[in-house]
Amino acid sequence: MTEVSNWRKSTRSGGGADSNCVECRVTWRKSTRSNGGANSNCVEARQRAEGFQVRDSKLGHDSPVFALESADFAGLLQAAARA
């Protein structure tokens, strides 16, 4: 998997781009089978304490984020491997 990192601000930091606040790095991982390019469209995933989250890479920050329990994420990977 290839890592794609983004910086995120709290929604409480005010709406302006120049608002001062702490940012956290969130790492999304992209499959190495996604043609390797930075602009390759695919599903990205990241691990969370309660399972995993997935999103559509071509939508980036505008993509809906789907939360999956670990067993559901494993099932998704198995289904994708069979496709």
PDB file of N, CA and C in Angstrom:
ATOM      1  N   MET A   1       0.840  -1.174   0.000  1.00  0.00           N
ATOM      2  CA  MET A   1       0.000   0.000   0.000  1.00  0.00           C
ATOM      3  C   MET A   1       0.893   1.247   0.000  1.00  0.00           C
ATOM      4  N   THR A   2       0.474   2.260  -0.706  1.00  0.00           N
ATOM      5  CA  THR A   2       1.164   3.536  -0.770  1.00  0.00           C
ATOM      6  C   THR A   2       0.497   4.500   0.194  1.00  0.00           C
ATOM      7  N   GLU A   3       1.283   5.246   0.953  1.00  0.00           N
ATOM      8  CA  GLU A   3       0.712   6.175   1.912  1.00  0.00           C
ATOM      9  C   GLU A   3       0.474   7.543   1.289  1.00  0.00           C
ATOM     10  N   VAL A   4      -0.665   8.132   1.598  1.00  0.00           N
ATOM     11  CA  VAL A   4      -1.022   9.475   1.160  1.00  0.00           C
ATOM     12  C   VAL A   4      -1.353  10.254   2.421  1.00  0.00           C
ATOM     13  N   SER A   5      -0.564  11.266   2.735  1.00  0.00           N
ATOM     14  CA  SER A   5      -0.763  12.000   3.978  1.00  0.00           C
ATOM     15  C   SER A   5      -1.388  13.358   3.724  1.00  0.00           C
ATOM     16  N   ASN A   6      -2.243  13.761   4.618  1.00  0.00           N
ATOM     17  CA  ASN A   6      -2.891  15.065   4.565  1.00  0.00           C
ATOM     18  C   ASN A   6      -2.854  15.687   5.951  1.00  0.00           C
ATOM     19  N   TRP A   7      -2.890  16.989   6.006  1.00  0.00           N
ATOM     20  CA  TRP A   7      -2.991  17.694   7.275  1.00  0.00           C
ATOM     21  C   TRP A   7      -4.427  18.137   7.447  1.00  0.00           C
ATOM     22  N   ARG A   8      -4.952  17.990   8.648  1.00  0.00           N
ATOM     23  CA  ARG A   8      -6.336  18.352   8.934  1.00  0.00           C
ATOM     24  C   ARG A   8      -6.391  19.303  10.115  1.00  0.00           C
ATOM     25  N   LYS A   9      -7.279  20.307  10.011  1.00  0.00           N
ATOM     26  CA  LYS A   9      -7.537  21.238  11.104  1.00  0.00           C
ATOM     27  C   LYS A   9      -8.830  20.851  11.790  1.00  0.00           C
ATOM     28  N   SER A  10      -8.932  21.212  13.028  1.00  0.00           N
ATOM     29  CA  SER A  10     -10.174  21.013  13.765  1.00  0.00           C
ATOM     30  C   SER A  10     -11.276  21.871  13.162  1.00  0.00           C
ATOM     31  N   THR A  11     -12.503  21.384  13.184  1.00  0.00           N
ATOM     32  CA  THR A  11     -13.633  22.179  12.706  1.00  0.00           C
ATOM     33  C   THR A  11     -13.906  23.353  13.633  1.00  0.00           C
ATOM     34  N   ARG A  12     -13.311  23.348  14.808  1.00  0.00           N
ATOM     35  CA  ARG A  12     -13.472  24.448  15.768  1.00  0.00           C
ATOM     36  C   ARG A  12     -12.410  25.533  15.601  1.00  0.00           C
ATOM     37  N   SER A  13     -11.564  25.450  14.587  1.00  0.00           N
ATOM     38  CA  SER A  13     -10.467  26.396  14.424  1.00  0.00           C
ATOM     39  C   SER A  13     -10.885  27.668  13.692  1.00  0.00           C
ATOM     40  N   GLY A  14     -12.156  27.852  13.446  1.00  0.00           N
ATOM     41  CA  GLY A  14     -12.603  29.013  12.674  1.00  0.00           C
ATOM     42  C   GLY A  14     -12.538  28.671  11.201  1.00  0.00           C
ATOM     43  N   GLY A  15     -13.283  29.371  10.401  1.00  0.00           N
ATOM     44  CA  GLY A  15     -13.389  29.030   8.996  1.00  0.00           C
ATOM     45  C   GLY A  15     -12.277  29.528   8.111  1.00  0.00           C
ATOM     46  N   GLY A  16     -11.489  30.497   8.544  1.00  0.00           N
ATOM     47  CA  GLY A  16     -10.501  31.115   7.676  1.00  0.00           C
ATOM     48  C   GLY A  16      -9.266  30.273   7.454  1.00  0.00           C
ATOM     49  N   ALA A  17      -8.658  30.457   6.296  1.00  0.00           N
ATOM     50  CA  ALA A  17      -7.432  29.727   5.974  1.00  0.00           C
ATOM     51  C   ALA A  17      -6.268  30.191   6.839  1.00  0.00           C
ATOM     52  N   ASP A  18      -6.341  31.416   7.367  1.00  0.00           N
ATOM     53  CA  ASP A  18      -5.255  31.951   8.177  1.00  0.00           C
ATOM     54  C   ASP A  18      -5.487  31.768   9.675  1.00  0.00           C
ATOM     55  N   SER A  19      -6.513  31.013  10.080  1.00  0.00           N
ATOM     56  CA  SER A  19      -6.769  30.802  11.501  1.00  0.00           C
ATOM     57  C   SER A  19      -5.665  29.941  12.098  1.00  0.00           C
ATOM     58  N   ASN A  20      -5.221  30.314  13.291  1.00  0.00           N
ATOM     59  CA  ASN A  20      -4.137  29.599  13.955  1.00  0.00           C
ATOM     60  C   ASN A  20      -4.710  28.452  14.773  1.00  0.00           C
ATOM     61  N   CYS A  21      -4.197  27.256  14.545  1.00  0.00           N
ATOM     62  CA  CYS A  21      -4.630  26.100  15.308  1.00  0.00           C
ATOM     63  C   CYS A  21      -3.628  24.971  15.098  1.00  0.00           C
ATOM     64  N   VAL A  22      -3.834  23.894  15.820  1.00  0.00           N
ATOM     65  CA  VAL A  22      -2.999  22.717  15.677  1.00  0.00           C
ATOM     66  C   VAL A  22      -3.589  21.842  14.571  1.00  0.00           C
ATOM     67  N   GLU A  23      -2.714  21.315  13.708  1.00  0.00           N
ATOM     68  CA  GLU A  23      -3.161  20.406  12.656  1.00  0.00           C
ATOM     69  C   GLU A  23      -2.645  19.004  12.965  1.00  0.00           C
ATOM     70  N   CYS A  24      -3.392  18.003  12.587  1.00  0.00           N
ATOM     71  CA  CYS A  24      -3.004  16.607  12.778  1.00  0.00           C
ATOM     72  C   CYS A  24      -2.827  15.950  11.420  1.00  0.00           C
ATOM     73  N   ARG A  25      -1.869  15.072  11.329  1.00  0.00           N
ATOM     74  CA  ARG A  25      -1.633  14.354  10.081  1.00  0.00           C
ATOM     75  C   ARG A  25      -2.469  13.079  10.064  1.00  0.00           C
ATOM     76  N   VAL A  26      -3.173  12.883   8.989  1.00  0.00           N
ATOM     77  CA  VAL A  26      -3.999  11.697   8.784  1.00  0.00           C
ATOM     78  C   VAL A  26      -3.441  10.976   7.570  1.00  0.00           C
ATOM     79  N   THR A  27      -3.103   9.715   7.716  1.00  0.00           N
ATOM     80  CA  THR A  27      -2.490   8.980   6.617  1.00  0.00           C
ATOM     81  C   THR A  27      -3.490   8.029   5.973  1.00  0.00           C
ATOM     82  N   TRP A  28      -3.725   8.251   4.699  1.00  0.00           N
ATOM     83  CA  TRP A  28      -4.548   7.346   3.885  1.00  0.00           C
ATOM     84  C   TRP A  28      -3.593   6.472   3.102  1.00  0.00           C
ATOM     85  N   ARG A  29      -3.916   5.204   2.967  1.00  0.00           N
ATOM     86  CA  ARG A  29      -3.077   4.282   2.204  1.00  0.00           C
ATOM     87  C   ARG A  29      -3.800   3.842   0.949  1.00  0.00           C
ATOM     88  N   LYS A  30      -3.047   3.808  -0.135  1.00  0.00           N
ATOM     89  CA  LYS A  30      -3.578   3.425  -1.444  1.00  0.00           C
ATOM     90  C   LYS A  30      -2.914   2.115  -1.865  1.00  0.00           C
ATOM     91  N   SER A  31      -3.654   1.233  -2.496  1.00  0.00           N
ATOM     92  CA  SER A  31      -3.115  -0.040  -2.943  1.00  0.00           C
ATOM     93  C   SER A  31      -1.949   0.166  -3.903  1.00  0.00           C
ATOM     94  N   THR A  32      -0.946  -0.682  -3.794  1.00  0.00           N
ATOM     95  CA  THR A  32       0.173  -0.624  -4.734  1.00  0.00           C
ATOM     96  C   THR A  32      -0.249  -1.074  -6.129  1.00  0.00           C
ATOM     97  N   ARG A  33      -1.429  -1.676  -6.252  1.00  0.00           N
ATOM     98  CA  ARG A  33      -1.956  -2.094  -7.552  1.00  0.00           C
ATOM     99  C   ARG A  33      -2.733  -0.980  -8.241  1.00  0.00           C
ATOM    100  N   SER A  34      -2.681   0.220  -7.741  1.00  0.00           N
ATOM    101  CA  SER A  34      -3.433   1.333  -8.323  1.00  0.00           C
ATOM    102  C   SER A  34      -2.627   2.083  -9.370  1.00  0.00           C
ATOM    103  N   ASN A  35      -1.750   1.393 -10.073  1.00  0.00           N
ATOM    104  CA  ASN A  35      -0.925   1.941 -11.160  1.00  0.00           C
ATOM    105  C   ASN A  35       0.179   2.860 -10.684  1.00  0.00           C
ATOM    106  N   GLY A  36       0.376   3.008  -9.391  1.00  0.00           N
ATOM    107  CA  GLY A  36       1.522   3.721  -8.850  1.00  0.00           C
ATOM    108  C   GLY A  36       1.522   5.227  -8.991  1.00  0.00           C
ATOM    109  N   GLY A  37       0.722   5.818  -9.858  1.00  0.00           N
ATOM    110  CA  GLY A  37       0.730   7.260 -10.044  1.00  0.00           C
ATOM    111  C   GLY A  37       0.004   7.996  -8.944  1.00  0.00           C
ATOM    112  N   ALA A  38       0.408   9.227  -8.697  1.00  0.00           N
ATOM    113  CA  ALA A  38      -0.232  10.044  -7.660  1.00  0.00           C
ATOM    114  C   ALA A  38      -1.687  10.334  -8.005  1.00  0.00           C
ATOM    115  N   ASN A  39      -2.019  10.346  -9.297  1.00  0.00           N
ATOM    116  CA  ASN A  39      -3.384  10.648  -9.719  1.00  0.00           C
ATOM    117  C   ASN A  39      -4.221   9.416 -10.014  1.00  0.00           C
ATOM    118  N   SER A  40      -3.735   8.241  -9.639  1.00  0.00           N
ATOM    119  CA  SER A  40      -4.488   7.005  -9.870  1.00  0.00           C
ATOM    120  C   SER A  40      -5.751   7.014  -9.026  1.00  0.00           C
ATOM    121  N   ASN A  41      -6.877   6.687  -9.643  1.00  0.00           N
ATOM    122  CA  ASN A  41      -8.151   6.646  -8.926  1.00  0.00           C
ATOM    123  C   ASN A  41      -8.352   5.267  -8.324  1.00  0.00           C
ATOM    124  N   CYS A  42      -8.587   5.220  -7.037  1.00  0.00           N
ATOM    125  CA  CYS A  42      -8.841   3.953  -6.366  1.00  0.00           C
ATOM    126  C   CYS A  42      -9.419   4.224  -4.984  1.00  0.00           C
ATOM    127  N   VAL A  43      -9.613   3.182  -4.239  1.00  0.00           N
ATOM    128  CA  VAL A  43     -10.081   3.308  -2.865  1.00  0.00           C
ATOM    129  C   VAL A  43      -8.868   3.476  -1.964  1.00  0.00           C
ATOM    130  N   GLU A  44      -8.953   4.384  -1.008  1.00  0.00           N
ATOM    131  CA  GLU A  44      -7.912   4.562  -0.009  1.00  0.00           C
ATOM    132  C   GLU A  44      -8.461   4.095   1.334  1.00  0.00           C
ATOM    133  N   ALA A  45      -7.574   3.629   2.198  1.00  0.00           N
ATOM    134  CA  ALA A  45      -7.992   3.143   3.509  1.00  0.00           C
ATOM    135  C   ALA A  45      -7.042   3.660   4.579  1.00  0.00           C
ATOM    136  N   ARG A  46      -7.561   3.729   5.797  1.00  0.00           N
ATOM    137  CA  ARG A  46      -6.715   4.037   6.946  1.00  0.00           C
ATOM    138  C   ARG A  46      -7.254   3.282   8.149  1.00  0.00           C
ATOM    139  N   GLN A  47      -6.323   2.901   9.015  1.00  0.00           N
ATOM    140  CA  GLN A  47      -6.700   2.165  10.213  1.00  0.00           C
ATOM    141  C   GLN A  47      -7.059   3.138  11.316  1.00  0.00           C
ATOM    142  N   ARG A  48      -8.098   2.801  12.024  1.00  0.00           N
ATOM    143  CA  ARG A  48      -8.553   3.575  13.174  1.00  0.00           C
ATOM    144  C   ARG A  48      -8.605   2.641  14.377  1.00  0.00           C
ATOM    145  N   ALA A  49      -8.714   3.169  15.560  1.00  0.00           N
ATOM    146  CA  ALA A  49      -8.761   2.341  16.771  1.00  0.00           C
ATOM    147  C   ALA A  49      -9.931   1.356  16.726  1.00  0.00           C
ATOM    148  N   GLU A  50     -11.052   1.775  16.154  1.00  0.00           N
ATOM    149  CA  GLU A  50     -12.252   0.932  16.139  1.00  0.00           C
ATOM    150  C   GLU A  50     -12.430   0.151  14.847  1.00  0.00           C
ATOM    151  N   GLY A  51     -11.465   0.168  13.949  1.00  0.00           N
ATOM    152  CA  GLY A  51     -11.570  -0.568  12.690  1.00  0.00           C
ATOM    153  C   GLY A  51     -10.836   0.149  11.581  1.00  0.00           C
ATOM    154  N   PHE A  52     -11.526   0.348  10.461  1.00  0.00           N
ATOM    155  CA  PHE A  52     -10.922   0.992   9.303  1.00  0.00           C
ATOM    156  C   PHE A  52     -11.900   1.990   8.698  1.00  0.00           C
ATOM    157  N   GLN A  53     -11.352   2.926   7.933  1.00  0.00           N
ATOM    158  CA  GLN A  53     -12.157   3.846   7.143  1.00  0.00           C
ATOM    159  C   GLN A  53     -11.691   3.752   5.703  1.00  0.00           C
ATOM    160  N   VAL A  54     -12.617   3.894   4.756  1.00  0.00           N
ATOM    161  CA  VAL A  54     -12.282   3.886   3.337  1.00  0.00           C
ATOM    162  C   VAL A  54     -12.918   5.089   2.660  1.00  0.00           C
ATOM    163  N   ARG A  55     -12.285   5.538   1.562  1.00  0.00           N
ATOM    164  CA  ARG A  55     -12.819   6.654   0.775  1.00  0.00           C
ATOM    165  C   ARG A  55     -12.382   6.507  -0.676  1.00  0.00           C
ATOM    166  N   ASP A  56     -12.976   7.290  -1.544  1.00  0.00           N
ATOM    167  CA  ASP A  56     -12.674   7.310  -2.968  1.00  0.00           C
ATOM    168  C   ASP A  56     -11.552   8.325  -3.189  1.00  0.00           C
ATOM    169  N   SER A  57     -10.412   7.880  -3.703  1.00  0.00           N
ATOM    170  CA  SER A  57      -9.258   8.766  -3.839  1.00  0.00           C
ATOM    171  C   SER A  57      -9.487   9.913  -4.812  1.00  0.00           C
ATOM    172  N   LYS A  58     -10.282   9.698  -5.854  1.00  0.00           N
ATOM    173  CA  LYS A  58     -10.455  10.771  -6.848  1.00  0.00           C
ATOM    174  C   LYS A  58     -11.247  11.946  -6.279  1.00  0.00           C
ATOM    175  N   LEU A  59     -12.002  11.726  -5.196  1.00  0.00           N
ATOM    176  CA  LEU A  59     -12.762  12.812  -4.564  1.00  0.00           C
ATOM    177  C   LEU A  59     -11.981  13.490  -3.445  1.00  0.00           C
ATOM    178  N   GLY A  60     -10.913  12.850  -2.966  1.00  0.00           N
ATOM    179  CA  GLY A  60     -10.071  13.436  -1.925  1.00  0.00           C
ATOM    180  C   GLY A  60     -10.860  13.836  -0.697  1.00  0.00           C
ATOM    181  N   HIS A  61     -10.664  15.078  -0.238  1.00  0.00           N
ATOM    182  CA  HIS A  61     -11.334  15.559   0.973  1.00  0.00           C
ATOM    183  C   HIS A  61     -12.847  15.600   0.822  1.00  0.00           C
ATOM    184  N   ASP A  62     -13.357  15.651  -0.396  1.00  0.00           N
ATOM    185  CA  ASP A  62     -14.807  15.699  -0.623  1.00  0.00           C
ATOM    186  C   ASP A  62     -15.456  14.320  -0.610  1.00  0.00           C
ATOM    187  N   SER A  63     -14.661  13.267  -0.519  1.00  0.00           N
ATOM    188  CA  SER A  63     -15.202  11.916  -0.547  1.00  0.00           C
ATOM    189  C   SER A  63     -15.903  11.581   0.768  1.00  0.00           C
ATOM    190  N   PRO A  64     -17.032  10.896   0.681  1.00  0.00           N
ATOM    191  CA  PRO A  64     -17.598  10.367   1.925  1.00  0.00           C
ATOM    192  C   PRO A  64     -16.637   9.331   2.498  1.00  0.00           C
ATOM    193  N   VAL A  65     -16.573   9.239   3.804  1.00  0.00           N
ATOM    194  CA  VAL A  65     -15.705   8.282   4.484  1.00  0.00           C
ATOM    195  C   VAL A  65     -16.592   7.220   5.124  1.00  0.00           C
ATOM    196  N   PHE A  66     -16.314   5.969   4.804  1.00  0.00           N
ATOM    197  CA  PHE A  66     -17.103   4.863   5.326  1.00  0.00           C
ATOM    198  C   PHE A  66     -16.322   4.147   6.409  1.00  0.00           C
ATOM    199  N   ALA A  67     -16.915   3.997   7.575  1.00  0.00           N
ATOM    200  CA  ALA A  67     -16.295   3.295   8.695  1.00  0.00           C
ATOM    201  C   ALA A  67     -16.665   1.820   8.632  1.00  0.00           C
ATOM    202  N   LEU A  68     -15.665   0.955   8.746  1.00  0.00           N
ATOM    203  CA  LEU A  68     -15.868  -0.492   8.710  1.00  0.00           C
ATOM    204  C   LEU A  68     -15.200  -1.134   9.919  1.00  0.00           C
ATOM    205  N   GLU A  69     -15.863  -2.128  10.489  1.00  0.00           N
ATOM    206  CA  GLU A  69     -15.215  -2.922  11.527  1.00  0.00           C
ATOM    207  C   GLU A  69     -14.149  -3.781  10.858  1.00  0.00           C
ATOM    208  N   SER A  70     -13.196  -4.264  11.631  1.00  0.00           N
ATOM    209  CA  SER A  70     -12.075  -5.033  11.074  1.00  0.00           C
ATOM    210  C   SER A  70     -12.534  -6.229  10.248  1.00  0.00           C
ATOM    211  N   ALA A  71     -13.535  -6.964  10.724  1.00  0.00           N
ATOM    212  CA  ALA A  71     -14.030  -8.138   9.985  1.00  0.00           C
ATOM    213  C   ALA A  71     -14.649  -7.722   8.655  1.00  0.00           C
ATOM    214  N   ASP A  72     -15.362  -6.598   8.635  1.00  0.00           N
ATOM    215  CA  ASP A  72     -15.967  -6.118   7.388  1.00  0.00           C
ATOM    216  C   ASP A  72     -14.900  -5.662   6.403  1.00  0.00           C
ATOM    217  N   PHE A  73     -13.841  -5.013   6.893  1.00  0.00           N
ATOM    218  CA  PHE A  73     -12.762  -4.575   6.020  1.00  0.00           C
ATOM    219  C   PHE A  73     -12.031  -5.789   5.426  1.00  0.00           C
ATOM    220  N   ALA A  74     -11.818  -6.817   6.245  1.00  0.00           N
ATOM    221  CA  ALA A  74     -11.189  -8.046   5.741  1.00  0.00           C
ATOM    222  C   ALA A  74     -12.053  -8.673   4.648  1.00  0.00           C
ATOM    223  N   GLY A  75     -13.368  -8.661   4.830  1.00  0.00           N
ATOM    224  CA  GLY A  75     -14.266  -9.182   3.814  1.00  0.00           C
ATOM    225  C   GLY A  75     -14.208  -8.380   2.527  1.00  0.00           C
ATOM    226  N   LEU A  76     -14.087  -7.063   2.648  1.00  0.00           N
ATOM    227  CA  LEU A  76     -13.953  -6.202   1.471  1.00  0.00           C
ATOM    228  C   LEU A  76     -12.681  -6.542   0.701  1.00  0.00           C
ATOM    229  N   LEU A  77     -11.581  -6.727   1.410  1.00  0.00           N
ATOM    230  CA  LEU A  77     -10.319  -7.067   0.753  1.00  0.00           C
ATOM    231  C   LEU A  77     -10.402  -8.433   0.069  1.00  0.00           C
ATOM    232  N   GLN A  78     -11.045  -9.395   0.712  1.00  0.00           N
ATOM    233  CA  GLN A  78     -11.184 -10.722   0.110  1.00  0.00           C
ATOM    234  C   GLN A  78     -12.050 -10.656  -1.148  1.00  0.00           C
ATOM    235  N   ALA A  79     -13.129  -9.880  -1.108  1.00  0.00           N
ATOM    236  CA  ALA A  79     -13.995  -9.736  -2.281  1.00  0.00           C
ATOM    237  C   ALA A  79     -13.251  -9.061  -3.420  1.00  0.00           C
ATOM    238  N   ALA A  80     -12.447  -8.056  -3.101  1.00  0.00           N
ATOM    239  CA  ALA A  80     -11.676  -7.348  -4.144  1.00  0.00           C
ATOM    240  C   ALA A  80     -10.629  -8.268  -4.764  1.00  0.00           C
ATOM    241  N   ALA A  81     -10.035  -9.134  -3.969  1.00  0.00           N
ATOM    242  CA  ALA A  81      -9.012 -10.056  -4.476  1.00  0.00           C
ATOM    243  C   ALA A  81      -9.624 -11.068  -5.449  1.00  0.00           C
ATOM    244  N   ARG A  82     -10.894 -11.425  -5.235  1.00  0.00           N
ATOM    245  CA  ARG A  82     -11.562 -12.381  -6.121  1.00  0.00           C
ATOM    246  C   ARG A  82     -12.039 -11.738  -7.413  1.00  0.00           C
ATOM    247  N   ALA A  83     -12.198 -10.412  -7.404  1.00  0.00           N
ATOM    248  CA  ALA A  83     -12.752  -9.699  -8.584  1.00  0.00           C
ATOM    249  C   ALA A  83     -11.739  -9.611  -9.703  1.00  0.00           C
TER     250      ALA A  83
END
